[in-house]
């Protein structure tokens, strides 16, 4: 007798796994009762409606938040981000352990949901959800063997292009990884051998090129001007104010008659970069975000770099190191009714004002959200922070193991992840200012790579001991 039901095809299982994983990734936002918000979220919520770009924002993220405008709800942004992240994770798992992604994806995502910051970013109206999948995706493009269906390859390139374009730090991160892949390939050619650790460069380079073009086009669409990144002089000056280099430079040049607007304020500079940029004080007294102040910021940054290069280098290294270990979940996920804590929402509303202007139907849910009544992340961080830091060590251990076994994909993913985590710490810590949000958005990838790499190598080792060929076919030095 013929069976009454047909087996469910593998693509349907994969689609179900991606949907299940996406639902898990949206869990913190669902529990909150409203999409999670950060200070910068207000600008990203408004940009699809106003088409104005505030300082330090990225226009390309509008391609994500525009789905909120199109559907009339910010939950569409959470759904889209969760689906993209879940699907890229599926492709990463499938590359590491072929044929097992549809079974392993949901349990893996469940662990990530419980033990890392990832779901707190996928449920947040911010581009940080894409930092980690950019890293993992680049590792797959560079080191996984060919064989994936062309449609899936194109879809992965498209997803990573968006992930690259939604934040300028992602463009820097992607470009840095492409340079590493080029170096690996160049080293193999110099030795005159076909090294087993060569990287495929063309597709990661294509992603960076497309992402840069998308970011440039989005900036032109919003502002009417063509550029990749907004001027960063004010941001760098704020960091120099915090480090004390700005005052040291002003003390050296102002008495000589150098005309700088900041000279009269050199003895009254705040202690932190955030206070300098965002609180009333010298920065706004000299003109704030005007082109003239931007030009002066560039002048002070360049002059201090020429006068005190050693201090710049020392502070950059210290800041990058500090950033590396700032990995707490929940940074900035606080009550955002007003900008300043001592203000009343009736007098000077912040998020309620933005939502009232663009999503008035969402205000009741916002007022009832847990974020407004304070989410206690301390119990979560007591578990997650040590685990994530252990992931740093685990991925380095995987790298050593994979190098010894000549497993290109495991070693390549480990190299990509380690360098991306270090690069992110430098870009965000040294060039901006250390912040838990910056590193938590990428640190979770170490746990994923360490876990998948270990599972892959153990499976490979087990088959080899049994006398069969390597099950994955990726460990041989003959692999191109």
Protein backbone atom coordinates (compact mmCIF):
# COMPACT_ATOMS: atom_id res chain seq x y z
CA UNK A 1 0.00 0.00 0.00
CA UNK A 2 1.32 3.44 -0.91
CA UNK A 3 2.10 5.73 2.02
CA UNK A 4 -0.69 8.11 2.95
CA UNK A 5 1.70 11.04 3.33
CA UNK A 6 4.73 12.15 1.42
CA UNK A 7 8.01 13.04 3.16
CA UNK A 8 8.44 16.73 3.77
CA UNK A 9 11.08 18.00 1.30
CA UNK A 10 14.36 19.35 2.70
CA UNK A 11 13.73 22.96 1.54
CA UNK A 12 10.49 23.01 3.52
CA UNK A 13 12.31 21.76 6.63
CA UNK A 14 14.92 24.48 6.14
CA UNK A 15 12.27 27.15 5.71
CA UNK A 16 10.55 25.98 8.87
CA UNK A 17 13.84 26.01 10.75
CA UNK A 18 14.57 29.57 9.63
CA UNK A 19 11.09 30.71 10.69
CA UNK A 20 11.49 29.01 14.07
CA UNK A 21 14.91 30.54 14.58
CA UNK A 22 13.59 33.98 13.60
CA UNK A 23 10.82 33.67 16.17
CA UNK A 24 13.39 32.82 18.86
CA UNK A 25 15.51 35.81 17.87
CA UNK A 26 12.49 38.09 18.28
CA UNK A 27 11.73 36.72 21.77
CA UNK A 28 13.21 39.63 23.82
CA UNK A 29 11.28 42.19 21.79
CA UNK A 30 8.07 40.14 22.10
CA UNK A 31 8.65 39.81 25.85
CA UNK A 32 9.24 43.55 26.03
CA UNK A 33 5.91 44.17 24.32
CA UNK A 34 7.49 46.60 21.86
CA UNK A 35 10.56 46.66 19.60
CA UNK A 36 13.64 47.44 21.68
CA UNK A 37 14.97 50.98 21.39
CA UNK A 38 18.27 52.81 21.79
CA UNK A 39 19.01 56.54 21.75
CA UNK A 40 19.84 56.42 18.03
CA UNK A 41 16.65 54.51 17.23
CA UNK A 42 14.69 57.75 17.24
CA UNK A 43 16.58 59.03 14.20
CA UNK A 44 16.29 55.73 12.34
CA UNK A 45 12.54 55.62 13.03
CA UNK A 46 12.06 59.12 11.66
CA UNK A 47 14.41 59.01 8.66
CA UNK A 48 12.08 57.13 6.24
CA UNK A 49 9.51 59.87 6.83
CA UNK A 50 11.70 62.98 7.03
CA UNK A 51 14.54 61.98 4.69
CA UNK A 52 16.96 63.98 6.83
CA UNK A 53 20.19 62.46 8.15
CA UNK A 54 21.41 63.55 11.60
CA UNK A 55 25.13 63.39 12.50
CA UNK A 56 26.76 59.94 12.62
CA UNK A 57 23.74 58.11 11.20
CA UNK A 58 23.77 55.82 8.15
CA UNK A 59 21.14 56.34 5.49
CA UNK A 60 21.28 52.73 4.28
CA UNK A 61 19.56 51.45 7.41
CA UNK A 62 16.49 53.21 6.03
CA UNK A 63 16.21 50.22 3.65
CA UNK A 64 15.32 48.23 6.77
CA UNK A 65 13.29 50.76 8.76
CA UNK A 66 11.33 51.70 5.62
CA UNK A 67 9.49 48.39 6.07
CA UNK A 68 8.03 49.91 9.21
CA UNK A 69 6.73 52.83 7.22
CA UNK A 70 5.36 50.56 4.48
CA UNK A 71 3.51 48.31 6.92
CA UNK A 72 2.61 50.88 9.54
CA UNK A 73 4.39 49.01 12.34
CA UNK A 74 7.95 48.75 13.67
CA UNK A 75 7.37 45.04 14.23
CA UNK A 76 8.04 44.63 10.52
CA UNK A 77 11.62 45.81 11.16
CA UNK A 78 12.06 43.23 13.93
CA UNK A 79 10.62 40.49 11.71
CA UNK A 80 12.85 41.40 8.77
CA UNK A 81 16.01 41.57 10.88
CA UNK A 82 15.23 38.29 12.62
CA UNK A 83 14.59 36.51 9.33
CA UNK A 84 17.80 37.78 7.72
CA UNK A 85 19.92 36.83 10.74
CA UNK A 86 18.25 33.40 11.00
CA UNK A 87 18.77 32.68 7.32
CA UNK A 88 22.45 33.66 7.34
CA UNK A 89 22.95 31.46 10.40
CA UNK A 90 21.31 28.63 8.44
CA UNK A 91 23.80 29.09 5.61
CA UNK A 92 26.74 29.15 8.02
CA UNK A 93 25.62 25.94 9.75
CA UNK A 94 24.98 24.29 6.39
CA UNK A 95 28.48 25.21 5.20
CA UNK A 96 30.09 23.80 8.34
CA UNK A 97 27.98 20.64 8.66
CA UNK A 98 26.28 20.01 5.30
CA UNK A 99 22.74 18.75 5.49
CA UNK A 100 22.34 19.37 9.21
CA UNK A 101 21.26 23.02 9.28
CA UNK A 102 17.55 22.24 9.22
CA UNK A 103 18.01 20.11 12.35
CA UNK A 104 20.65 22.14 14.22
CA UNK A 105 19.52 25.71 13.50
CA UNK A 106 16.68 26.00 16.00
CA UNK A 107 18.61 24.45 18.95
CA UNK A 108 21.62 26.63 18.13
CA UNK A 109 19.47 29.75 17.95
CA UNK A 110 17.77 28.78 21.20
CA UNK A 111 21.15 28.71 22.93
CA UNK A 112 22.12 32.04 21.37
CA UNK A 113 18.82 33.51 22.55
CA UNK A 114 19.41 32.42 26.12
CA UNK A 115 23.14 32.95 26.40
CA UNK A 116 24.17 35.89 24.16
CA UNK A 117 23.24 39.44 23.25
CA UNK A 118 22.23 38.51 19.68
CA UNK A 119 18.41 38.48 20.14
CA UNK A 120 18.56 41.81 21.96
CA UNK A 121 20.02 43.29 18.78
CA UNK A 122 17.72 41.54 16.29
CA UNK A 123 14.77 42.91 18.26
CA UNK A 124 16.16 46.44 18.38
CA UNK A 125 15.64 49.27 15.90
CA UNK A 126 19.38 49.56 15.22
CA UNK A 127 21.79 48.26 12.55
CA UNK A 128 23.83 46.31 15.12
CA UNK A 129 21.96 43.06 14.37
CA UNK A 130 24.00 42.78 11.16
CA UNK A 131 27.55 43.05 12.51
CA UNK A 132 27.90 39.41 13.54
CA UNK A 133 26.29 37.87 10.46
CA UNK A 134 28.58 40.01 8.30
CA UNK A 135 31.56 38.35 9.99
CA UNK A 136 30.21 34.82 9.70
CA UNK A 137 29.04 35.34 6.13
CA UNK A 138 32.41 36.64 5.00
CA UNK A 139 34.07 33.56 6.49
CA UNK A 140 31.74 31.29 4.51
CA UNK A 141 32.23 33.21 1.25
CA UNK A 142 36.01 33.11 1.61
CA UNK A 143 36.60 29.57 2.86
CA UNK A 144 33.63 27.29 2.17
CA UNK A 145 33.99 25.00 -0.84
CA UNK A 146 31.83 25.52 -3.93
CA UNK A 147 28.64 23.57 -4.31
CA UNK A 148 25.88 25.75 -2.91
CA UNK A 149 23.03 26.40 -5.36
CA UNK A 150 23.57 29.64 -7.32
CA UNK A 151 20.31 31.14 -6.06
CA UNK A 152 21.40 30.67 -2.45
CA UNK A 153 24.83 32.14 -3.19
CA UNK A 154 23.24 35.21 -4.75
CA UNK A 155 20.86 35.55 -1.81
CA UNK A 156 23.76 35.34 0.66
CA UNK A 157 25.71 37.98 -1.25
CA UNK A 158 22.62 40.22 -1.26
CA UNK A 159 22.07 39.79 2.49
CA UNK A 160 25.72 40.52 3.26
CA UNK A 161 25.65 43.56 0.96
CA UNK A 162 22.86 45.04 3.06
CA UNK A 163 24.69 44.04 6.25
CA UNK A 164 27.80 45.84 5.00
CA UNK A 165 25.97 48.97 3.94
CA UNK A 166 23.81 49.62 7.02
CA UNK A 167 26.71 51.03 9.07
CA UNK A 168 29.99 52.65 8.04
CA UNK A 169 31.90 50.60 10.62
CA UNK A 170 30.70 47.52 8.73
CA UNK A 171 32.24 48.84 5.52
CA UNK A 172 35.55 49.30 7.35
CA UNK A 173 35.24 45.83 8.85
CA UNK A 174 34.46 44.20 5.50
CA UNK A 175 37.30 46.02 3.76
CA UNK A 176 39.73 44.91 6.44
CA UNK A 177 38.67 41.28 6.04
CA UNK A 178 39.08 41.45 2.26
CA UNK A 179 42.63 42.72 2.78
CA UNK A 180 43.32 39.74 5.05
CA UNK A 181 41.92 37.34 2.45
CA UNK A 182 44.12 38.95 -0.20
CA UNK A 183 47.15 38.57 2.06
CA UNK A 184 46.45 34.85 2.56
CA UNK A 185 46.11 34.29 -1.17
CA UNK A 186 49.20 36.39 -1.90
CA UNK A 187 51.27 34.48 0.63
CA UNK A 188 50.35 31.21 -1.07
CA UNK A 189 51.45 32.53 -4.46
CA UNK A 190 54.75 33.83 -3.07
CA UNK A 191 55.57 30.40 -1.69
CA UNK A 192 54.90 28.90 -5.09
CA UNK A 193 52.53 26.37 -3.61
CA UNK A 194 48.81 25.83 -3.58
CA UNK A 195 48.26 26.50 0.12
CA UNK A 196 45.34 24.73 1.75
CA UNK A 197 44.46 27.98 3.60
CA UNK A 198 44.01 30.20 0.57
CA UNK A 199 40.90 32.36 0.64
CA UNK A 200 38.45 33.14 -2.12
CA UNK A 201 38.53 36.92 -2.44
CA UNK A 202 36.21 37.73 -5.34
CA UNK A 203 32.86 37.37 -3.56
CA UNK A 204 33.79 39.14 -0.31
CA UNK A 205 35.30 41.93 -2.41
CA UNK A 206 32.10 42.10 -4.45
CA UNK A 207 30.06 42.40 -1.26
CA UNK A 208 32.21 45.30 -0.02
CA UNK A 209 31.98 47.03 -3.41
CA UNK A 210 28.21 46.59 -3.59
CA UNK A 211 27.76 47.61 0.04
CA UNK A 212 29.82 50.75 -0.46
CA UNK A 213 27.83 51.60 -3.59
CA UNK A 214 24.55 50.99 -1.74
CA UNK A 215 25.64 53.20 1.17
CA UNK A 216 26.76 55.95 -1.21
CA UNK A 217 23.51 55.75 -3.16
CA UNK A 218 21.39 55.82 0.00
CA UNK A 219 23.28 58.86 1.28
CA UNK A 220 22.69 60.62 -2.04
CA UNK A 221 19.00 59.69 -1.96
CA UNK A 222 18.52 61.15 1.52
CA UNK A 223 20.84 64.18 1.37
CA UNK A 224 21.39 64.90 -2.31
CA UNK A 225 25.15 64.55 -1.78
CA UNK A 226 27.42 61.64 -2.68
CA UNK A 227 29.59 60.34 0.17
CA UNK A 228 30.32 57.14 2.05
CA UNK A 229 30.67 58.47 5.56
CA UNK A 230 29.64 61.64 7.31
CA UNK A 231 32.49 63.84 8.61
CA UNK A 232 33.93 62.40 11.82
CA UNK A 233 36.05 65.35 13.01
CA UNK A 234 33.65 66.24 15.83
CA UNK A 235 33.52 62.62 16.98
CA UNK A 236 37.31 62.33 17.04
CA UNK A 237 37.65 65.68 18.80
CA UNK A 238 35.24 64.50 21.50
CA UNK A 239 37.44 61.47 22.09
CA UNK A 240 40.53 63.72 22.32
CA UNK A 241 38.70 65.88 24.85
CA UNK A 242 38.07 62.79 26.95
CA UNK A 243 41.70 61.63 26.64
CA UNK A 244 43.09 65.03 27.58
CA UNK A 245 44.97 65.39 24.28
CA UNK A 246 42.70 68.21 23.13
CA UNK A 247 43.49 70.33 26.19
CA UNK A 248 47.20 69.58 25.88
CA UNK A 249 47.14 70.71 22.25
CA UNK A 250 45.12 73.83 23.00
CA UNK A 251 47.46 74.72 25.87
CA UNK A 252 50.37 74.48 23.42
CA UNK A 253 48.94 76.48 20.50
CA UNK A 254 46.45 78.97 21.96
CA UNK A 255 49.08 81.15 23.73
CA UNK A 256 50.92 81.52 20.39
CA UNK A 257 48.02 83.43 18.88
CA UNK A 258 46.43 80.52 17.03
CA UNK A 259 42.81 81.43 16.40
CA UNK A 260 40.57 78.56 17.52
CA UNK A 261 37.05 78.93 18.84
CA UNK A 262 37.76 76.37 21.55
CA UNK A 263 40.73 78.27 23.00
CA UNK A 264 38.71 80.28 25.58
CA UNK A 265 37.14 77.01 26.83
CA UNK A 266 40.28 74.91 27.16
CA UNK A 267 40.15 75.00 30.96
CA UNK A 268 36.45 74.10 31.04
CA UNK A 269 36.29 70.99 28.86
CA UNK A 270 34.16 68.09 30.17
CA UNK A 271 35.64 64.76 31.21
CA UNK A 272 33.80 62.55 28.73
CA UNK A 273 33.23 62.48 24.99
CA UNK A 274 29.47 62.02 25.41
CA UNK A 275 29.21 65.04 27.69
CA UNK A 276 31.18 67.12 25.17
CA UNK A 277 28.99 66.15 22.21
CA UNK A 278 25.54 65.84 23.71
CA UNK A 279 25.28 68.05 26.80
CA UNK A 280 25.17 71.86 26.89
CA UNK A 281 28.71 73.22 27.11
CA UNK A 282 31.73 74.34 25.06
CA UNK A 283 30.87 72.40 21.92
CA UNK A 284 27.51 74.12 21.53
CA UNK A 285 28.89 77.45 22.72
CA UNK A 286 31.28 77.53 19.73
CA UNK A 287 28.60 76.56 17.21
CA UNK A 288 27.85 72.85 17.62
CA UNK A 289 27.27 70.93 14.39
CA UNK A 290 28.05 73.81 12.02
CA UNK A 291 30.56 73.37 9.15
CA UNK A 292 32.86 75.90 10.83
CA UNK A 293 33.11 73.81 13.99
CA UNK A 294 33.62 70.66 11.91
CA UNK A 295 36.54 72.36 10.17
CA UNK A 296 38.04 73.38 13.51
CA UNK A 297 37.62 69.83 14.84
CA UNK A 298 39.53 68.49 11.83
CA UNK A 299 42.24 71.08 12.41
CA UNK A 300 42.66 70.16 16.09
CA UNK A 301 42.68 66.42 15.34
CA UNK A 302 45.31 66.80 12.60
CA UNK A 303 47.43 69.23 14.62
CA UNK A 304 47.42 67.10 17.76
CA UNK A 305 48.26 64.00 15.73
CA UNK A 306 51.33 65.75 14.32
CA UNK A 307 52.35 67.15 17.71
CA UNK A 308 51.62 64.10 19.92
CA UNK A 309 51.71 60.96 17.72
CA UNK A 310 52.94 58.76 20.57
CA UNK A 311 50.06 59.70 22.85
CA UNK A 312 47.55 59.10 20.07
CA UNK A 313 48.95 55.63 19.47
CA UNK A 314 49.06 54.81 23.17
CA UNK A 315 45.50 55.96 23.77
CA UNK A 316 44.21 54.17 20.68
CA UNK A 317 45.71 50.88 21.87
CA UNK A 318 44.30 51.36 25.38
CA UNK A 319 40.84 52.19 24.06
CA UNK A 320 40.80 49.24 21.66
CA UNK A 321 41.82 46.91 24.49
CA UNK A 322 39.13 48.35 26.76
CA UNK A 323 36.54 47.96 23.99
CA UNK A 324 37.46 44.30 23.53
CA UNK A 325 36.19 43.44 27.01
CA UNK A 326 33.09 45.65 27.12
CA UNK A 327 30.53 43.01 26.12
CA UNK A 328 27.57 43.50 28.43
CA UNK A 329 24.08 42.98 27.05
CA UNK A 330 21.49 45.74 27.33
CA UNK A 331 23.62 48.86 26.92
CA UNK A 332 21.27 51.80 26.38
CA UNK A 333 18.09 49.69 26.61
CA UNK A 334 16.62 52.03 29.19
CA UNK A 335 13.65 54.34 29.60
CA UNK A 336 13.78 56.86 26.77
CA UNK A 337 10.73 59.01 27.44
CA UNK A 338 12.98 62.08 27.67
CA UNK A 339 16.57 62.85 26.68
CA UNK A 340 17.56 64.04 30.16
CA UNK A 341 16.51 62.11 33.24
CA UNK A 342 15.46 65.18 35.21
CA UNK A 343 12.95 66.32 32.58
CA UNK A 344 9.26 65.50 32.40
CA UNK A 345 7.80 63.79 29.36
CA UNK A 346 5.09 66.45 29.21
CA UNK A 347 7.70 69.19 28.88
CA UNK A 348 10.27 67.56 26.59
CA UNK A 349 9.28 64.12 25.21
CA UNK A 350 11.79 62.07 23.24
CA UNK A 351 10.65 58.66 21.95
CA UNK A 352 6.95 59.47 22.59
CA UNK A 353 7.37 62.50 20.37
CA UNK A 354 8.94 60.47 17.54
CA UNK A 355 6.35 57.71 17.76
CA UNK A 356 3.52 60.21 18.05
CA UNK A 357 4.64 61.86 14.82
CA UNK A 358 5.14 58.68 12.77
CA UNK A 359 3.53 55.69 14.55
CA UNK A 360 0.79 57.15 16.78
CA UNK A 361 -1.06 53.82 16.78
CA UNK A 362 1.98 52.26 18.53
CA UNK A 363 2.06 54.63 21.49
CA UNK A 364 -0.19 52.53 23.78
CA UNK A 365 2.12 49.51 23.35
CA UNK A 366 5.17 51.68 23.95
CA UNK A 367 3.75 53.02 27.21
CA UNK A 368 3.21 49.45 28.40
CA UNK A 369 6.64 48.13 27.36
CA UNK A 370 8.99 46.64 29.94
CA UNK A 371 11.84 48.85 28.73
CA UNK A 372 10.06 51.87 30.11
CA UNK A 373 9.93 50.36 33.60
CA UNK A 374 13.60 49.27 33.47
CA UNK A 375 14.89 45.85 32.46
CA UNK A 376 17.41 44.40 34.88
CA UNK A 377 20.24 42.97 32.76
CA UNK A 378 22.54 42.23 35.68
CA UNK A 379 21.42 38.57 36.20
CA UNK A 380 21.73 37.99 32.45
CA UNK A 381 25.20 39.52 32.28
CA UNK A 382 26.45 37.45 35.19
CA UNK A 383 26.02 34.47 32.88
CA UNK A 384 26.62 35.98 29.46
CA UNK A 385 29.76 38.05 30.03
CA UNK A 386 31.96 35.18 31.32
CA UNK A 387 30.57 32.92 28.60
CA UNK A 388 31.30 35.39 25.81
CA UNK A 389 34.82 36.01 27.12
CA UNK A 390 35.32 32.25 27.26
CA UNK A 391 34.26 32.26 23.61
CA UNK A 392 37.31 34.41 22.85
CA UNK A 393 39.54 31.65 24.19
CA UNK A 394 37.49 28.89 22.58
CA UNK A 395 37.74 30.33 19.07
CA UNK A 396 41.51 30.67 19.44
CA UNK A 397 41.67 27.06 20.57
CA UNK A 398 39.59 26.06 17.55
CA UNK A 399 41.98 27.93 15.28
CA UNK A 400 44.97 26.01 16.63
CA UNK A 401 43.10 22.71 16.31
CA UNK A 402 41.89 23.46 12.78
CA UNK A 403 45.35 24.54 11.62
CA UNK A 404 46.82 21.29 12.88
CA UNK A 405 44.15 19.28 11.04
CA UNK A 406 44.34 21.39 7.85
CA UNK A 407 40.60 22.08 7.90
CA UNK A 408 40.30 25.16 5.77
CA UNK A 409 36.73 26.14 6.60
CA UNK A 410 37.11 25.77 10.37
CA UNK A 411 40.46 27.57 10.35
CA UNK A 412 39.21 30.25 7.97
CA UNK A 413 36.09 30.95 10.02
CA UNK A 414 38.21 31.16 13.17
CA UNK A 415 40.70 33.56 11.55
CA UNK A 416 37.87 35.70 10.17
CA UNK A 417 36.11 35.87 13.53
CA UNK A 418 39.21 36.62 15.60
CA UNK A 419 40.32 39.41 13.26
CA UNK A 420 36.80 40.82 12.97
CA UNK A 421 36.42 40.96 16.76
CA UNK A 422 39.80 42.72 17.06
CA UNK A 423 39.03 45.02 14.14
CA UNK A 424 35.66 45.96 15.61
CA UNK A 425 37.35 46.80 18.92
CA UNK A 426 39.78 49.11 17.14
CA UNK A 427 37.26 50.80 14.84
CA UNK A 428 34.74 51.41 17.61
CA UNK A 429 37.02 51.84 20.62
CA UNK A 430 40.00 53.72 19.25
CA UNK A 431 38.21 55.79 16.61
CA UNK A 432 35.07 56.44 18.63
CA UNK A 433 34.83 55.50 22.30
CA UNK A 434 34.46 52.16 24.15
CA UNK A 435 30.86 51.10 24.56
CA UNK A 436 29.32 47.76 25.55
CA UNK A 437 26.93 47.88 22.62
CA UNK A 438 29.75 48.03 20.10
CA UNK A 439 31.45 44.80 21.17
CA UNK A 440 28.44 42.81 22.32
CA UNK A 441 27.06 43.00 18.79
CA UNK A 442 29.93 40.85 17.45
CA UNK A 443 31.41 38.95 20.42
CA UNK A 444 28.73 36.23 20.22
CA UNK A 445 30.17 35.02 16.91
CA UNK A 446 33.12 33.47 18.75
CA UNK A 447 30.80 31.03 20.50
CA UNK A 448 29.07 30.10 17.24
CA UNK A 449 32.31 29.49 15.36
CA UNK A 450 33.90 27.59 18.25
CA UNK A 451 30.84 25.35 18.61
CA UNK A 452 30.33 24.67 14.90
CA UNK A 453 34.04 24.20 14.31
CA UNK A 454 34.36 21.72 17.16
CA UNK A 455 31.31 19.76 15.98
CA UNK A 456 32.69 19.71 12.46
CA UNK A 457 36.16 18.57 13.44
CA UNK A 458 34.86 15.90 15.84
CA UNK A 459 32.55 14.52 13.16
CA UNK A 460 35.40 14.51 10.66
CA UNK A 461 37.73 12.84 13.16
CA UNK A 462 35.18 10.16 14.00
CA UNK A 463 34.69 9.17 10.36
CA UNK A 464 38.45 9.14 9.74
CA UNK A 465 39.06 6.83 12.73
CA UNK A 466 36.40 4.53 11.37
CA UNK A 467 38.46 4.04 8.24
CA UNK A 468 36.24 5.98 5.87
CA UNK A 469 36.93 9.06 3.81
CA UNK A 470 36.49 12.34 5.53
CA UNK A 471 32.77 12.91 5.62
CA UNK A 472 32.88 16.61 4.83
CA UNK A 473 35.57 16.48 2.19
CA UNK A 474 36.98 19.81 3.37
CA UNK A 475 40.00 18.89 5.41
CA UNK A 476 42.32 17.80 2.66
CA UNK A 477 45.19 20.02 1.66
CA UNK A 478 44.26 19.32 -1.95
CA UNK A 479 41.06 21.30 -1.54
CA UNK A 480 41.35 24.45 -3.70
